[in-house]
Amino acid sequence: LAQFGRIDALVNAAGGNLPAAVVPDGGTFFEVPPQALRDV
């Protein structure tokens, strides 16, 4: 705001998944660490 005097648009492109939050190949949902789910 100090440099340009205004902000006209915001694009929220931050995000994504984490390997620890993916159900392991051949595994089950119950193996996924709760903290990894929270982080995602």
Full PDB file with SEQRES, HELIX, SHEET, SSBOND, CRYST1, ORIGX, SCALE, CONECT and MASTER records, all heavy atoms in Angstrom:
SEQRES   1 A   40  LEU ALA GLN PHE GLY ARG ILE ASP ALA LEU VAL ASN ALA          
SEQRES   2 A   40  ALA GLY GLY ASN LEU PRO ALA ALA VAL VAL PRO ASP GLY          
SEQRES   3 A   40  GLY THR PHE PHE GLU VAL PRO PRO GLN ALA LEU ARG ASP          
SEQRES   4 A   40  VAL                                                          
HELIX    1 AA1 PRO A   19  ALA A   21  5                                   3    
HELIX    2 AA2 PHE A   29  GLU A   31  5                                   3    
HELIX    3 AA3 PRO A   34  ASP A   39  1                                   6    
CRYST1    1.000    1.000    1.000  90.00  90.00  90.00 P 1           1          
ORIGX1      1.000000  0.000000  0.000000        0.00000                         
ORIGX2      0.000000  1.000000  0.000000        0.00000                         
ORIGX3      0.000000  0.000000  1.000000        0.00000                         
SCALE1      1.000000  0.000000  0.000000        0.00000                         
SCALE2      0.000000  1.000000  0.000000        0.00000                         
SCALE3      0.000000  0.000000  1.000000        0.00000                         
ATOM      1  N   LEU A   1       0.836  -1.203   0.000  1.00  0.00           N  
ATOM      2  CA  LEU A   1       0.000   0.000   0.000  1.00  0.00           C  
ATOM      3  C   LEU A   1       0.874   1.257   0.000  1.00  0.00           C  
ATOM      4  O   LEU A   1       0.547   2.254  -0.644  1.00  0.00           O  
ATOM      5  CB  LEU A   1      -0.932  -0.006   1.209  1.00  0.00           C  
ATOM      6  CG  LEU A   1      -2.053  -1.052   1.171  1.00  0.00           C  
ATOM      7  CD1 LEU A   1      -2.836  -1.057   2.493  1.00  0.00           C  
ATOM      8  CD2 LEU A   1      -2.997  -0.794  -0.002  1.00  0.00           C  
ATOM      9  N   ALA A   2       1.993   1.200   0.717  1.00  0.00           N  
ATOM     10  CA  ALA A   2       2.903   2.345   0.734  1.00  0.00           C  
ATOM     11  C   ALA A   2       3.550   2.544  -0.632  1.00  0.00           C  
ATOM     12  O   ALA A   2       3.769   3.682  -1.072  1.00  0.00           O  
ATOM     13  CB  ALA A   2       3.977   2.138   1.801  1.00  0.00           C  
ATOM     14  N   GLN A   3       3.855   1.446  -1.321  1.00  0.00           N  
ATOM     15  CA  GLN A   3       4.534   1.538  -2.614  1.00  0.00           C  
ATOM     16  C   GLN A   3       3.593   1.849  -3.761  1.00  0.00           C  
ATOM     17  O   GLN A   3       3.911   2.672  -4.628  1.00  0.00           O  
ATOM     18  CB  GLN A   3       5.266   0.224  -2.903  1.00  0.00           C  
ATOM     19  CG  GLN A   3       6.062   0.231  -4.210  1.00  0.00           C  
ATOM     20  CD  GLN A   3       6.889  -1.021  -4.390  1.00  0.00           C  
ATOM     21  OE1 GLN A   3       6.939  -1.892  -3.525  1.00  0.00           O  
ATOM     22  NE2 GLN A   3       7.584  -1.133  -5.517  1.00  0.00           N  
ATOM     23  N   PHE A   4       2.427   1.195  -3.769  1.00  0.00           N  
ATOM     24  CA  PHE A   4       1.524   1.318  -4.911  1.00  0.00           C  
ATOM     25  C   PHE A   4       0.230   2.082  -4.614  1.00  0.00           C  
ATOM     26  O   PHE A   4      -0.494   2.465  -5.533  1.00  0.00           O  
ATOM     27  CB  PHE A   4       1.161  -0.064  -5.455  1.00  0.00           C  
ATOM     28  CG  PHE A   4       2.340  -0.840  -5.971  1.00  0.00           C  
ATOM     29  CD1 PHE A   4       2.701  -2.048  -5.398  1.00  0.00           C  
ATOM     30  CD2 PHE A   4       3.094  -0.369  -7.038  1.00  0.00           C  
ATOM     31  CE1 PHE A   4       3.783  -2.778  -5.866  1.00  0.00           C  
ATOM     32  CE2 PHE A   4       4.179  -1.086  -7.523  1.00  0.00           C  
ATOM     33  CZ  PHE A   4       4.524  -2.294  -6.932  1.00  0.00           C  
ATOM     34  N   GLY A   5      -0.090   2.229  -3.341  1.00  0.00           N  
ATOM     35  CA  GLY A   5      -1.293   2.974  -2.978  1.00  0.00           C  
ATOM     36  C   GLY A   5      -2.568   2.166  -2.982  1.00  0.00           C  
ATOM     37  O   GLY A   5      -3.604   2.639  -2.519  1.00  0.00           O  
ATOM     38  N   ARG A   6      -2.509   0.932  -3.453  1.00  0.00           N  
ATOM     39  CA  ARG A   6      -3.717   0.112  -3.522  1.00  0.00           C  
ATOM     40  C   ARG A   6      -3.348  -1.341  -3.788  1.00  0.00           C  
ATOM     41  O   ARG A   6      -2.226  -1.647  -4.198  1.00  0.00           O  
ATOM     42  CB  ARG A   6      -4.656   0.621  -4.617  1.00  0.00           C  
ATOM     43  CG  ARG A   6      -4.051   0.589  -6.012  1.00  0.00           C  
ATOM     44  CD  ARG A   6      -4.961   1.245  -7.050  1.00  0.00           C  
ATOM     45  NE  ARG A   6      -6.234   0.573  -7.158  1.00  0.00           N  
ATOM     46  CZ  ARG A   6      -7.388   1.102  -6.729  1.00  0.00           C  
ATOM     47  NH1 ARG A   6      -7.400   2.291  -6.162  1.00  0.00           N  
ATOM     48  NH2 ARG A   6      -8.516   0.439  -6.868  1.00  0.00           N  
ATOM     49  N   ILE A   7      -4.303  -2.224  -3.556  1.00  0.00           N  
ATOM     50  CA  ILE A   7      -4.207  -3.633  -3.946  1.00  0.00           C  
ATOM     51  C   ILE A   7      -5.539  -3.976  -4.604  1.00  0.00           C  
ATOM     52  O   ILE A   7      -6.601  -3.731  -4.035  1.00  0.00           O  
ATOM     53  CB  ILE A   7      -3.956  -4.556  -2.733  1.00  0.00           C  
ATOM     54  CG1 ILE A   7      -2.604  -4.226  -2.081  1.00  0.00           C  
ATOM     55  CG2 ILE A   7      -3.987  -6.028  -3.162  1.00  0.00           C  
ATOM     56  CD1 ILE A   7      -2.375  -4.946  -0.757  1.00  0.00           C  
ATOM     57  N   ASP A   8      -5.488  -4.503  -5.804  1.00  0.00           N  
ATOM     58  CA  ASP A   8      -6.713  -4.738  -6.571  1.00  0.00           C  
ATOM     59  C   ASP A   8      -7.111  -6.199  -6.678  1.00  0.00           C  
ATOM     60  O   ASP A   8      -8.275  -6.502  -6.961  1.00  0.00           O  
ATOM     61  CB  ASP A   8      -6.552  -4.173  -7.984  1.00  0.00           C  
ATOM     62  CG  ASP A   8      -6.262  -2.684  -7.971  1.00  0.00           C  
ATOM     63  OD1 ASP A   8      -7.207  -1.909  -7.725  1.00  0.00           O  
ATOM     64  OD2 ASP A   8      -5.098  -2.303  -8.185  1.00  0.00           O  
ATOM     65  N   ALA A   9      -6.165  -7.097  -6.504  1.00  0.00           N  
ATOM     66  CA  ALA A   9      -6.479  -8.516  -6.688  1.00  0.00           C  
ATOM     67  C   ALA A   9      -5.580  -9.383  -5.818  1.00  0.00           C  
ATOM     68  O   ALA A   9      -4.437  -9.034  -5.541  1.00  0.00           O  
ATOM     69  CB  ALA A   9      -6.320  -8.911  -8.159  1.00  0.00           C  
ATOM     70  N   LEU A  10      -6.147 -10.491  -5.393  1.00  0.00           N  
ATOM     71  CA  LEU A  10      -5.416 -11.504  -4.629  1.00  0.00           C  
ATOM     72  C   LEU A  10      -5.695 -12.860  -5.256  1.00  0.00           C  
ATOM     73  O   LEU A  10      -6.857 -13.240  -5.438  1.00  0.00           O  
ATOM     74  CB  LEU A  10      -5.881 -11.511  -3.170  1.00  0.00           C  
ATOM     75  CG  LEU A  10      -5.455 -12.721  -2.324  1.00  0.00           C  
ATOM     76  CD1 LEU A  10      -3.946 -12.728  -2.113  1.00  0.00           C  
ATOM     77  CD2 LEU A  10      -6.194 -12.718  -0.974  1.00  0.00           C  
ATOM     78  N   VAL A  11      -4.638 -13.575  -5.597  1.00  0.00           N  
ATOM     79  CA  VAL A  11      -4.775 -14.954  -6.078  1.00  0.00           C  
ATOM     80  C   VAL A  11      -4.103 -15.860  -5.060  1.00  0.00           C  
ATOM     81  O   VAL A  11      -2.898 -15.747  -4.812  1.00  0.00           O  
ATOM     82  CB  VAL A  11      -4.138 -15.152  -7.463  1.00  0.00           C  
ATOM     83  CG1 VAL A  11      -4.289 -16.610  -7.909  1.00  0.00           C  
ATOM     84  CG2 VAL A  11      -4.781 -14.219  -8.491  1.00  0.00           C  
ATOM     85  N   ASN A  12      -4.872 -16.749  -4.471  1.00  0.00           N  
ATOM     86  CA  ASN A  12      -4.364 -17.655  -3.443  1.00  0.00           C  
ATOM     87  C   ASN A  12      -3.941 -18.980  -4.071  1.00  0.00           C  
ATOM     88  O   ASN A  12      -4.714 -19.932  -4.144  1.00  0.00           O  
ATOM     89  CB  ASN A  12      -5.431 -17.889  -2.369  1.00  0.00           C  
ATOM     90  CG  ASN A  12      -5.542 -16.725  -1.417  1.00  0.00           C  
ATOM     91  OD1 ASN A  12      -4.560 -16.289  -0.833  1.00  0.00           O  
ATOM     92  ND2 ASN A  12      -6.753 -16.207  -1.263  1.00  0.00           N  
ATOM     93  N   ALA A  13      -2.683 -19.020  -4.527  1.00  0.00           N  
ATOM     94  CA  ALA A  13      -2.171 -20.231  -5.165  1.00  0.00           C  
ATOM     95  C   ALA A  13      -1.334 -21.087  -4.231  1.00  0.00           C  
ATOM     96  O   ALA A  13      -0.859 -22.163  -4.628  1.00  0.00           O  
ATOM     97  CB  ALA A  13      -1.352 -19.869  -6.407  1.00  0.00           C  
ATOM     98  N   ALA A  14      -1.117 -20.631  -2.993  1.00  0.00           N  
ATOM     99  CA  ALA A  14      -0.362 -21.449  -2.036  1.00  0.00           C  
ATOM    100  C   ALA A  14      -1.208 -22.635  -1.597  1.00  0.00           C  
ATOM    101  O   ALA A  14      -2.409 -22.507  -1.355  1.00  0.00           O  
ATOM    102  CB  ALA A  14       0.034 -20.604  -0.827  1.00  0.00           C  
ATOM    103  N   GLY A  15      -0.588 -23.777  -1.486  1.00  0.00           N  
ATOM    104  CA  GLY A  15      -1.320 -24.977  -1.066  1.00  0.00           C  
ATOM    105  C   GLY A  15      -0.599 -26.216  -1.541  1.00  0.00           C  
ATOM    106  O   GLY A  15       0.549 -26.161  -1.975  1.00  0.00           O  
ATOM    107  N   GLY A  16      -1.282 -27.342  -1.455  1.00  0.00           N  
ATOM    108  CA  GLY A  16      -0.691 -28.594  -1.905  1.00  0.00           C  
ATOM    109  C   GLY A  16      -0.843 -29.697  -0.875  1.00  0.00           C  
ATOM    110  O   GLY A  16      -1.454 -29.511   0.179  1.00  0.00           O  
ATOM    111  N   ASN A  17      -0.282 -30.821  -1.207  1.00  0.00           N  
ATOM    112  CA  ASN A  17      -0.365 -31.985  -0.327  1.00  0.00           C  
ATOM    113  C   ASN A  17       1.019 -32.298   0.237  1.00  0.00           C  
ATOM    114  O   ASN A  17       2.026 -31.731  -0.203  1.00  0.00           O  
ATOM    115  CB  ASN A  17      -0.903 -33.184  -1.097  1.00  0.00           C  
ATOM    116  CG  ASN A  17      -1.492 -34.236  -0.186  1.00  0.00           C  
ATOM    117  OD1 ASN A  17      -1.871 -33.956   0.950  1.00  0.00           O  
ATOM    118  ND2 ASN A  17      -1.585 -35.466  -0.667  1.00  0.00           N  
ATOM    119  N   LEU A  18       1.083 -33.173   1.216  1.00  0.00           N  
ATOM    120  CA  LEU A  18       2.341 -33.608   1.813  1.00  0.00           C  
ATOM    121  C   LEU A  18       2.458 -35.119   1.688  1.00  0.00           C  
ATOM    122  O   LEU A  18       1.453 -35.831   1.879  1.00  0.00           O  
ATOM    123  CB  LEU A  18       2.396 -33.202   3.289  1.00  0.00           C  
ATOM    124  CG  LEU A  18       2.325 -31.706   3.597  1.00  0.00           C  
ATOM    125  CD1 LEU A  18       2.235 -31.486   5.112  1.00  0.00           C  
ATOM    126  CD2 LEU A  18       3.529 -30.991   3.022  1.00  0.00           C  
ATOM    127  N   PRO A  19       3.637 -35.644   1.386  1.00  0.00           N  
ATOM    128  CA  PRO A  19       3.792 -37.098   1.238  1.00  0.00           C  
ATOM    129  C   PRO A  19       3.302 -37.879   2.453  1.00  0.00           C  
ATOM    130  O   PRO A  19       2.693 -38.947   2.310  1.00  0.00           O  
ATOM    131  CB  PRO A  19       5.307 -37.263   1.037  1.00  0.00           C  
ATOM    132  CG  PRO A  19       5.746 -35.967   0.439  1.00  0.00           C  
ATOM    133  CD  PRO A  19       4.885 -34.917   1.086  1.00  0.00           C  
ATOM    134  N   ALA A  20       3.526 -37.345   3.650  1.00  0.00           N  
ATOM    135  CA  ALA A  20       3.128 -38.066   4.862  1.00  0.00           C  
ATOM    136  C   ALA A  20       1.619 -38.160   5.012  1.00  0.00           C  
ATOM    137  O   ALA A  20       1.115 -39.007   5.776  1.00  0.00           O  
ATOM    138  CB  ALA A  20       3.731 -37.392   6.095  1.00  0.00           C  
ATOM    139  N   ALA A  21       0.869 -37.288   4.301  1.00  0.00           N  
ATOM    140  CA  ALA A  21      -0.588 -37.279   4.411  1.00  0.00           C  
ATOM    141  C   ALA A  21      -1.266 -38.141   3.351  1.00  0.00           C  
ATOM    142  O   ALA A  21      -2.502 -38.204   3.290  1.00  0.00           O  
ATOM    143  CB  ALA A  21      -1.108 -35.844   4.323  1.00  0.00           C  
ATOM    144  N   VAL A  22      -0.471 -38.795   2.526  1.00  0.00           N  
ATOM    145  CA  VAL A  22      -1.011 -39.676   1.480  1.00  0.00           C  
ATOM    146  C   VAL A  22      -1.132 -41.092   2.031  1.00  0.00           C  
ATOM    147  O   VAL A  22      -0.193 -41.608   2.656  1.00  0.00           O  
ATOM    148  CB  VAL A  22      -0.095 -39.671   0.239  1.00  0.00           C  
ATOM    149  CG1 VAL A  22      -0.623 -40.640  -0.819  1.00  0.00           C  
ATOM    150  CG2 VAL A  22       0.023 -38.265  -0.330  1.00  0.00           C  
ATOM    151  N   VAL A  23      -2.276 -41.723   1.831  1.00  0.00           N  
ATOM    152  CA  VAL A  23      -2.441 -43.121   2.254  1.00  0.00           C  
ATOM    153  C   VAL A  23      -1.395 -43.964   1.518  1.00  0.00           C  
ATOM    154  O   VAL A  23      -1.305 -43.908   0.288  1.00  0.00           O  
ATOM    155  CB  VAL A  23      -3.858 -43.632   1.936  1.00  0.00           C  
ATOM    156  CG1 VAL A  23      -3.970 -45.121   2.263  1.00  0.00           C  
ATOM    157  CG2 VAL A  23      -4.901 -42.843   2.712  1.00  0.00           C  
ATOM    158  N   PRO A  24      -0.585 -44.728   2.239  1.00  0.00           N  
ATOM    159  CA  PRO A  24       0.487 -45.501   1.589  1.00  0.00           C  
ATOM    160  C   PRO A  24      -0.066 -46.461   0.548  1.00  0.00           C  
ATOM    161  O   PRO A  24      -1.170 -46.998   0.686  1.00  0.00           O  
ATOM    162  CB  PRO A  24       1.123 -46.268   2.757  1.00  0.00           C  
ATOM    163  CG  PRO A  24       0.721 -45.519   3.984  1.00  0.00           C  
ATOM    164  CD  PRO A  24      -0.627 -44.932   3.695  1.00  0.00           C  
ATOM    165  N   ASP A  25       0.694 -46.661  -0.503  1.00  0.00           N  
ATOM    166  CA  ASP A  25       0.304 -47.610  -1.535  1.00  0.00           C  
ATOM    167  C   ASP A  25       0.169 -48.994  -0.897  1.00  0.00           C  
ATOM    168  O   ASP A  25       1.127 -49.522  -0.327  1.00  0.00           O  
ATOM    169  CB  ASP A  25       1.365 -47.630  -2.636  1.00  0.00           C  
ATOM    170  CG  ASP A  25       0.898 -48.384  -3.865  1.00  0.00           C  
ATOM    171  OD1 ASP A  25      -0.310 -48.643  -3.983  1.00  0.00           O  
ATOM    172  OD2 ASP A  25       1.755 -48.707  -4.716  1.00  0.00           O  
ATOM    173  N   GLY A  26      -1.016 -49.550  -0.949  1.00  0.00           N  
ATOM    174  CA  GLY A  26      -1.267 -50.840  -0.329  1.00  0.00           C  
ATOM    175  C   GLY A  26      -1.593 -50.746   1.148  1.00  0.00           C  
ATOM    176  O   GLY A  26      -1.865 -51.753   1.797  1.00  0.00           O  
ATOM    177  N   GLY A  27      -1.562 -49.495   1.703  1.00  0.00           N  
ATOM    178  CA  GLY A  27      -1.852 -49.294   3.119  1.00  0.00           C  
ATOM    179  C   GLY A  27      -3.268 -48.819   3.350  1.00  0.00           C  
ATOM    180  O   GLY A  27      -4.134 -48.917   2.469  1.00  0.00           O  
ATOM    181  N   THR A  28      -3.523 -48.274   4.540  1.00  0.00           N  
ATOM    182  CA  THR A  28      -4.865 -47.821   4.890  1.00  0.00           C  
ATOM    183  C   THR A  28      -4.840 -46.406   5.459  1.00  0.00           C  
ATOM    184  O   THR A  28      -3.786 -45.908   5.889  1.00  0.00           O  
ATOM    185  CB  THR A  28      -5.513 -48.735   5.947  1.00  0.00           C  
ATOM    186  OG1 THR A  28      -4.845 -48.537   7.209  1.00  0.00           O  
ATOM    187  CG2 THR A  28      -5.430 -50.197   5.536  1.00  0.00           C  
ATOM    188  N   PHE A  29      -5.981 -45.793   5.478  1.00  0.00           N  
ATOM    189  CA  PHE A  29      -6.172 -44.452   6.032  1.00  0.00           C  
ATOM    190  C   PHE A  29      -5.724 -44.388   7.489  1.00  0.00           C  
ATOM    191  O   PHE A  29      -5.209 -43.367   7.954  1.00  0.00           O  
ATOM    192  CB  PHE A  29      -7.651 -44.087   5.899  1.00  0.00           C  
ATOM    193  CG  PHE A  29      -8.083 -42.897   6.696  1.00  0.00           C  
ATOM    194  CD1 PHE A  29      -7.690 -41.624   6.350  1.00  0.00           C  
ATOM    195  CD2 PHE A  29      -8.896 -43.067   7.819  1.00  0.00           C  
ATOM    196  CE1 PHE A  29      -8.098 -40.513   7.094  1.00  0.00           C  
ATOM    197  CE2 PHE A  29      -9.310 -41.972   8.564  1.00  0.00           C  
ATOM    198  CZ  PHE A  29      -8.905 -40.686   8.190  1.00  0.00           C  
ATOM    199  N   PHE A  30      -5.884 -45.484   8.212  1.00  0.00           N  
ATOM    200  CA  PHE A  30      -5.601 -45.511   9.650  1.00  0.00           C  
ATOM    201  C   PHE A  30      -4.110 -45.385   9.961  1.00  0.00           C  
ATOM    202  O   PHE A  30      -3.729 -45.137  11.099  1.00  0.00           O  
ATOM    203  CB  PHE A  30      -6.170 -46.786  10.266  1.00  0.00           C  
ATOM    204  CG  PHE A  30      -7.621 -46.991   9.904  1.00  0.00           C  
ATOM    205  CD1 PHE A  30      -7.993 -47.989   9.018  1.00  0.00           C  
ATOM    206  CD2 PHE A  30      -8.602 -46.147  10.423  1.00  0.00           C  
ATOM    207  CE1 PHE A  30      -9.324 -48.157   8.662  1.00  0.00           C  
ATOM    208  CE2 PHE A  30      -9.929 -46.321  10.068  1.00  0.00           C  
ATOM    209  CZ  PHE A  30     -10.300 -47.308   9.180  1.00  0.00           C  
ATOM    210  N   GLU A  31      -3.293 -45.546   8.961  1.00  0.00           N  
ATOM    211  CA  GLU A  31      -1.843 -45.426   9.147  1.00  0.00           C  
ATOM    212  C   GLU A  31      -1.339 -43.992   8.985  1.00  0.00           C  
ATOM    213  O   GLU A  31      -0.188 -43.702   9.312  1.00  0.00           O  
ATOM    214  CB  GLU A  31      -1.119 -46.305   8.122  1.00  0.00           C  
ATOM    215  CG  GLU A  31      -1.457 -47.782   8.185  1.00  0.00           C  
ATOM    216  CD  GLU A  31      -0.884 -48.519   6.999  1.00  0.00           C  
ATOM    217  OE1 GLU A  31       0.305 -48.302   6.675  1.00  0.00           O  
ATOM    218  OE2 GLU A  31      -1.617 -49.311   6.367  1.00  0.00           O  
ATOM    219  N   VAL A  32      -2.180 -43.093   8.465  1.00  0.00           N  
ATOM    220  CA  VAL A  32      -1.719 -41.728   8.169  1.00  0.00           C  
ATOM    221  C   VAL A  32      -1.576 -40.939   9.469  1.00  0.00           C  
ATOM    222  O   VAL A  32      -2.522 -40.869  10.266  1.00  0.00           O  
ATOM    223  CB  VAL A  32      -2.706 -41.015   7.222  1.00  0.00           C  
ATOM    224  CG1 VAL A  32      -2.206 -39.610   6.904  1.00  0.00           C  
ATOM    225  CG2 VAL A  32      -2.885 -41.832   5.944  1.00  0.00           C  
ATOM    226  N   PRO A  33      -0.439 -40.325   9.723  1.00  0.00           N  
ATOM    227  CA  PRO A  33      -0.237 -39.579  10.970  1.00  0.00           C  
ATOM    228  C   PRO A  33      -1.205 -38.405  11.079  1.00  0.00           C  
ATOM    229  O   PRO A  33      -1.340 -37.617  10.139  1.00  0.00           O  
ATOM    230  CB  PRO A  33       1.209 -39.072  10.846  1.00  0.00           C  
ATOM    231  CG  PRO A  33       1.850 -39.964   9.842  1.00  0.00           C  
ATOM    232  CD  PRO A  33       0.775 -40.349   8.883  1.00  0.00           C  
ATOM    233  N   PRO A  34      -1.879 -38.255  12.212  1.00  0.00           N  
ATOM    234  CA  PRO A  34      -2.815 -37.138  12.378  1.00  0.00           C  
ATOM    235  C   PRO A  34      -2.179 -35.769  12.143  1.00  0.00           C  
ATOM    236  O   PRO A  34      -2.816 -34.871  11.582  1.00  0.00           O  
ATOM    237  CB  PRO A  34      -3.282 -37.295  13.833  1.00  0.00           C  
ATOM    238  CG  PRO A  34      -3.153 -38.759  14.099  1.00  0.00           C  
ATOM    239  CD  PRO A  34      -1.931 -39.178  13.352  1.00  0.00           C  
ATOM    240  N   GLN A  35      -0.916 -35.604  12.543  1.00  0.00           N  
ATOM    241  CA  GLN A  35      -0.277 -34.298  12.354  1.00  0.00           C  
ATOM    242  C   GLN A  35      -0.121 -33.966  10.877  1.00  0.00           C  
ATOM    243  O   GLN A  35      -0.263 -32.800  10.470  1.00  0.00           O  
ATOM    244  CB  GLN A  35       1.095 -34.256  13.039  1.00  0.00           C  
ATOM    245  CG  GLN A  35       1.719 -32.864  13.049  1.00  0.00           C  
ATOM    246  CD  GLN A  35       0.832 -31.849  13.738  1.00  0.00           C  
ATOM    247  OE1 GLN A  35       0.389 -32.043  14.857  1.00  0.00           O  
ATOM    248  NE2 GLN A  35       0.549 -30.737  13.042  1.00  0.00           N  
ATOM    249  N   ALA A  36       0.146 -34.968  10.057  1.00  0.00           N  
ATOM    250  CA  ALA A  36       0.259 -34.736   8.620  1.00  0.00           C  
ATOM    251  C   ALA A  36      -1.074 -34.275   8.043  1.00  0.00           C  
ATOM    252  O   ALA A  36      -1.131 -33.374   7.194  1.00  0.00           O  
ATOM    253  CB  ALA A  36       0.738 -36.002   7.913  1.00  0.00           C  
ATOM    254  N   LEU A  37      -2.173 -34.875   8.525  1.00  0.00           N  
ATOM    255  CA  LEU A  37      -3.498 -34.466   8.077  1.00  0.00           C  
ATOM    256  C   LEU A  37      -3.777 -33.016   8.490  1.00  0.00           C  
ATOM    257  O   LEU A  37      -4.300 -32.219   7.704  1.00  0.00           O  
ATOM    258  CB  LEU A  37      -4.561 -35.389   8.667  1.00  0.00           C  
ATOM    259  CG  LEU A  37      -4.445 -36.877   8.297  1.00  0.00           C  
ATOM    260  CD1 LEU A  37      -5.475 -37.691   9.056  1.00  0.00           C  
ATOM    261  CD2 LEU A  37      -4.605 -37.075   6.798  1.00  0.00           C  
ATOM    262  N   ARG A  38      -3.416 -32.685   9.735  1.00  0.00           N  
ATOM    263  CA  ARG A  38      -3.607 -31.305  10.215  1.00  0.00           C  
ATOM    264  C   ARG A  38      -2.800 -30.318   9.371  1.00  0.00           C  
ATOM    265  O   ARG A  38      -3.283 -29.235   9.026  1.00  0.00           O  
ATOM    266  CB  ARG A  38      -3.192 -31.193  11.679  1.00  0.00           C  
ATOM    267  CG  ARG A  38      -4.078 -31.919  12.670  1.00  0.00           C  
ATOM    268  CD  ARG A  38      -3.708 -31.552  14.096  1.00  0.00           C  
ATOM    269  NE  ARG A  38      -4.441 -32.362  15.060  1.00  0.00           N  
ATOM    270  CZ  ARG A  38      -3.962 -33.466  15.630  1.00  0.00           C  
ATOM    271  NH1 ARG A  38      -2.727 -33.864  15.352  1.00  0.00           N  
ATOM    272  NH2 ARG A  38      -4.694 -34.145  16.484  1.00  0.00           N  
ATOM    273  N   ASP A  39      -1.571 -30.686   9.051  1.00  0.00           N  
ATOM    274  CA  ASP A  39      -0.707 -29.784   8.293  1.00  0.00           C  
ATOM    275  C   ASP A  39      -1.287 -29.489   6.910  1.00  0.00           C  
ATOM    276  O   ASP A  39      -1.218 -28.349   6.426  1.00  0.00           O  
ATOM    277  CB  ASP A  39       0.691 -30.395   8.148  1.00  0.00           C  
ATOM    278  CG  ASP A  39       1.462 -30.411   9.459  1.00  0.00           C  
ATOM    279  OD1 ASP A  39       1.055 -29.687  10.397  1.00  0.00           O  
ATOM    280  OD2 ASP A  39       2.455 -31.164   9.549  1.00  0.00           O  
ATOM    281  N   VAL A  40      -1.856 -30.491   6.268  1.00  0.00           N  
ATOM    282  CA  VAL A  40      -2.432 -30.296   4.936  1.00  0.00           C  
ATOM    283  C   VAL A  40      -3.673 -29.406   5.004  1.00  0.00           C  
ATOM    284  O   VAL A  40      -3.862 -28.507   4.174  1.00  0.00           O  
ATOM    285  CB  VAL A  40      -2.759 -31.652   4.279  1.00  0.00           C  
ATOM    286  CG1 VAL A  40      -3.589 -31.452   3.009  1.00  0.00           C  
ATOM    287  CG2 VAL A  40      -1.479 -32.390   3.953  1.00  0.00           C  
TER     288      VAL A  40                                                      
MASTER        0    0    0    3    0    0    0    6  287    1    0    4          
END                                                                             
